[in-house]
Amino acid sequence: MIEELNKLQNNFSQLHVIFQIEALSLEELADRQYANGLKDGFRYAAILLEATLKKVREA
């Protein structure tokens, strides 16, 4: 289970980078804001999952 959560955390981190690059390449403000929102959401999900995994490992 921990290995699967590690993979998920890694996927969230990769999606964060992908949408960060996408946001920089978009011309329309609304499109950039949407991509930035997705980027931030994946970043926060990765951070929360990392904190949860840390607690699980310590237990």
N, C-alpha and C. Protein backbone atom coordinates (compact mmCIF):
# COMPACT_ATOMS: atom_id res chain seq x y z
N MET A 1 0.83 -1.19 0.00
CA MET A 1 0.00 0.00 0.00
C MET A 1 0.87 1.26 0.00
N ILE A 2 1.94 1.25 0.79
CA ILE A 2 2.80 2.43 0.84
C ILE A 2 3.46 2.67 -0.51
N GLU A 3 3.83 1.60 -1.19
CA GLU A 3 4.44 1.75 -2.51
C GLU A 3 3.47 2.39 -3.49
N GLU A 4 2.21 2.01 -3.44
CA GLU A 4 1.19 2.59 -4.32
C GLU A 4 0.99 4.07 -4.00
N LEU A 5 1.01 4.42 -2.73
CA LEU A 5 0.87 5.83 -2.34
C LEU A 5 2.08 6.64 -2.77
N ASN A 6 3.26 6.05 -2.71
CA ASN A 6 4.46 6.72 -3.21
C ASN A 6 4.35 7.00 -4.70
N LYS A 7 3.84 6.03 -5.46
CA LYS A 7 3.65 6.22 -6.90
C LYS A 7 2.64 7.34 -7.17
N LEU A 8 1.57 7.35 -6.38
CA LEU A 8 0.55 8.39 -6.54
C LEU A 8 1.13 9.77 -6.23
N GLN A 9 1.92 9.86 -5.19
CA GLN A 9 2.56 11.13 -4.83
C GLN A 9 3.49 11.58 -5.95
N ASN A 10 4.23 10.65 -6.52
CA ASN A 10 5.12 10.96 -7.63
C ASN A 10 4.32 11.44 -8.84
N ASN A 11 3.19 10.79 -9.12
CA ASN A 11 2.34 11.20 -10.23
C ASN A 11 1.80 12.61 -10.03
N PHE A 12 1.37 12.94 -8.81
CA PHE A 12 0.90 14.30 -8.52
C PHE A 12 2.01 15.32 -8.75
N SER A 13 3.21 14.98 -8.34
CA SER A 13 4.34 15.89 -8.53
C SER A 13 4.63 16.09 -10.02
N GLN A 14 4.55 15.02 -10.80
CA GLN A 14 4.78 15.13 -12.24
C GLN A 14 3.68 15.95 -12.91
N LEU A 15 2.45 15.75 -12.50
CA LEU A 15 1.34 16.54 -13.06
C LEU A 15 1.49 18.01 -12.72
N HIS A 16 1.99 18.31 -11.53
CA HIS A 16 2.25 19.69 -11.14
C HIS A 16 3.22 20.34 -12.12
N VAL A 17 4.29 19.65 -12.45
CA VAL A 17 5.29 20.18 -13.38
C VAL A 17 4.70 20.35 -14.78
N ILE A 18 3.93 19.37 -15.22
CA ILE A 18 3.32 19.43 -16.55
C ILE A 18 2.41 20.66 -16.67
N PHE A 19 1.57 20.88 -15.68
CA PHE A 19 0.66 22.03 -15.77
C PHE A 19 1.37 23.35 -15.53
N GLN A 20 2.49 23.32 -14.83
CA GLN A 20 3.29 24.54 -14.67
C GLN A 20 3.84 24.96 -16.03
N ILE A 21 4.35 24.01 -16.78
CA ILE A 21 4.87 24.29 -18.12
C ILE A 21 3.72 24.71 -19.05
N GLU A 22 2.60 24.02 -18.94
CA GLU A 22 1.43 24.35 -19.77
C GLU A 22 0.96 25.77 -19.51
N ALA A 23 0.92 26.17 -18.24
CA ALA A 23 0.46 27.52 -17.90
C ALA A 23 1.36 28.59 -18.52
N LEU A 24 2.64 28.31 -18.58
CA LEU A 24 3.57 29.28 -19.16
C LEU A 24 3.40 29.40 -20.67
N SER A 25 2.91 28.35 -21.31
CA SER A 25 2.81 28.36 -22.77
C SER A 25 1.48 28.91 -23.28
N LEU A 26 0.51 29.08 -22.41
CA LEU A 26 -0.81 29.53 -22.86
C LEU A 26 -0.85 31.04 -23.00
N GLU A 27 -1.62 31.51 -23.97
CA GLU A 27 -1.71 32.94 -24.25
C GLU A 27 -2.89 33.60 -23.53
N GLU A 28 -4.02 32.93 -23.48
CA GLU A 28 -5.22 33.51 -22.87
C GLU A 28 -5.12 33.48 -21.35
N LEU A 29 -5.49 34.58 -20.72
CA LEU A 29 -5.41 34.69 -19.27
C LEU A 29 -6.26 33.62 -18.59
N ALA A 30 -7.47 33.39 -19.07
CA ALA A 30 -8.35 32.40 -18.45
C ALA A 30 -7.74 31.00 -18.53
N ASP A 31 -7.12 30.70 -19.65
CA ASP A 31 -6.47 29.39 -19.81
C ASP A 31 -5.29 29.24 -18.86
N ARG A 32 -4.50 30.32 -18.72
CA ARG A 32 -3.36 30.28 -17.79
C ARG A 32 -3.83 30.11 -16.36
N GLN A 33 -4.90 30.81 -15.99
CA GLN A 33 -5.43 30.70 -14.63
C GLN A 33 -5.94 29.29 -14.36
N TYR A 34 -6.59 28.70 -15.33
CA TYR A 34 -7.09 27.33 -15.18
C TYR A 34 -5.93 26.36 -14.99
N ALA A 35 -4.90 26.48 -15.84
CA ALA A 35 -3.74 25.60 -15.72
C ALA A 35 -3.02 25.82 -14.39
N ASN A 36 -2.92 27.07 -13.95
CA ASN A 36 -2.30 27.35 -12.66
C ASN A 36 -3.11 26.75 -11.51
N GLY A 37 -4.42 26.77 -11.62
CA GLY A 37 -5.26 26.16 -10.59
C GLY A 37 -5.05 24.66 -10.52
N LEU A 38 -4.97 24.02 -11.67
CA LEU A 38 -4.68 22.59 -11.70
C LEU A 38 -3.30 22.30 -11.12
N LYS A 39 -2.33 23.10 -11.52
CA LYS A 39 -0.96 22.95 -11.03
C LYS A 39 -0.91 23.02 -9.51
N ASP A 40 -1.56 24.03 -8.96
CA ASP A 40 -1.57 24.20 -7.50
C ASP A 40 -2.30 23.05 -6.81
N GLY A 41 -3.39 22.60 -7.39
CA GLY A 41 -4.13 21.49 -6.81
C GLY A 41 -3.30 20.22 -6.74
N PHE A 42 -2.57 19.92 -7.81
CA PHE A 42 -1.71 18.74 -7.79
C PHE A 42 -0.55 18.91 -6.81
N ARG A 43 -0.05 20.13 -6.69
CA ARG A 43 1.04 20.37 -5.73
C ARG A 43 0.55 20.13 -4.30
N TYR A 44 -0.63 20.67 -3.98
CA TYR A 44 -1.18 20.49 -2.63
C TYR A 44 -1.50 19.03 -2.36
N ALA A 45 -2.00 18.33 -3.37
CA ALA A 45 -2.29 16.89 -3.19
C ALA A 45 -1.01 16.13 -2.91
N ALA A 46 0.07 16.45 -3.60
CA ALA A 46 1.35 15.78 -3.38
C ALA A 46 1.89 16.09 -1.99
N ILE A 47 1.74 17.32 -1.54
CA ILE A 47 2.21 17.70 -0.21
C ILE A 47 1.42 16.97 0.87
N LEU A 48 0.12 16.93 0.73
CA LEU A 48 -0.71 16.22 1.72
C LEU A 48 -0.41 14.73 1.74
N LEU A 49 -0.22 14.16 0.59
CA LEU A 49 0.08 12.74 0.52
C LEU A 49 1.46 12.45 1.12
N GLU A 50 2.41 13.34 0.90
CA GLU A 50 3.73 13.18 1.49
C GLU A 50 3.66 13.23 3.02
N ALA A 51 2.88 14.14 3.56
CA ALA A 51 2.72 14.23 5.01
C ALA A 51 2.05 12.98 5.57
N THR A 52 1.06 12.47 4.87
CA THR A 52 0.37 11.25 5.30
C THR A 52 1.32 10.06 5.27
N LEU A 53 2.11 9.95 4.22
CA LEU A 53 3.08 8.85 4.12
C LEU A 53 4.12 8.93 5.24
N LYS A 54 4.53 10.14 5.59
CA LYS A 54 5.49 10.31 6.67
C LYS A 54 4.92 9.78 7.98
N LYS A 55 3.65 10.08 8.24
CA LYS A 55 3.00 9.59 9.47
C LYS A 55 2.88 8.08 9.45
N VAL A 56 2.55 7.52 8.30
CA VAL A 56 2.40 6.06 8.19
C VAL A 56 3.74 5.38 8.43
N ARG A 57 4.80 5.94 7.87
CA ARG A 57 6.13 5.34 8.04
C ARG A 57 6.59 5.40 9.49
N GLU A 58 6.23 6.49 10.19
CA GLU A 58 6.64 6.65 11.58
C GLU A 58 5.86 5.74 12.52
N ALA A 59 4.69 5.32 12.10
CA ALA A 59 3.85 4.49 12.97
C ALA A 59 4.30 3.05 13.03
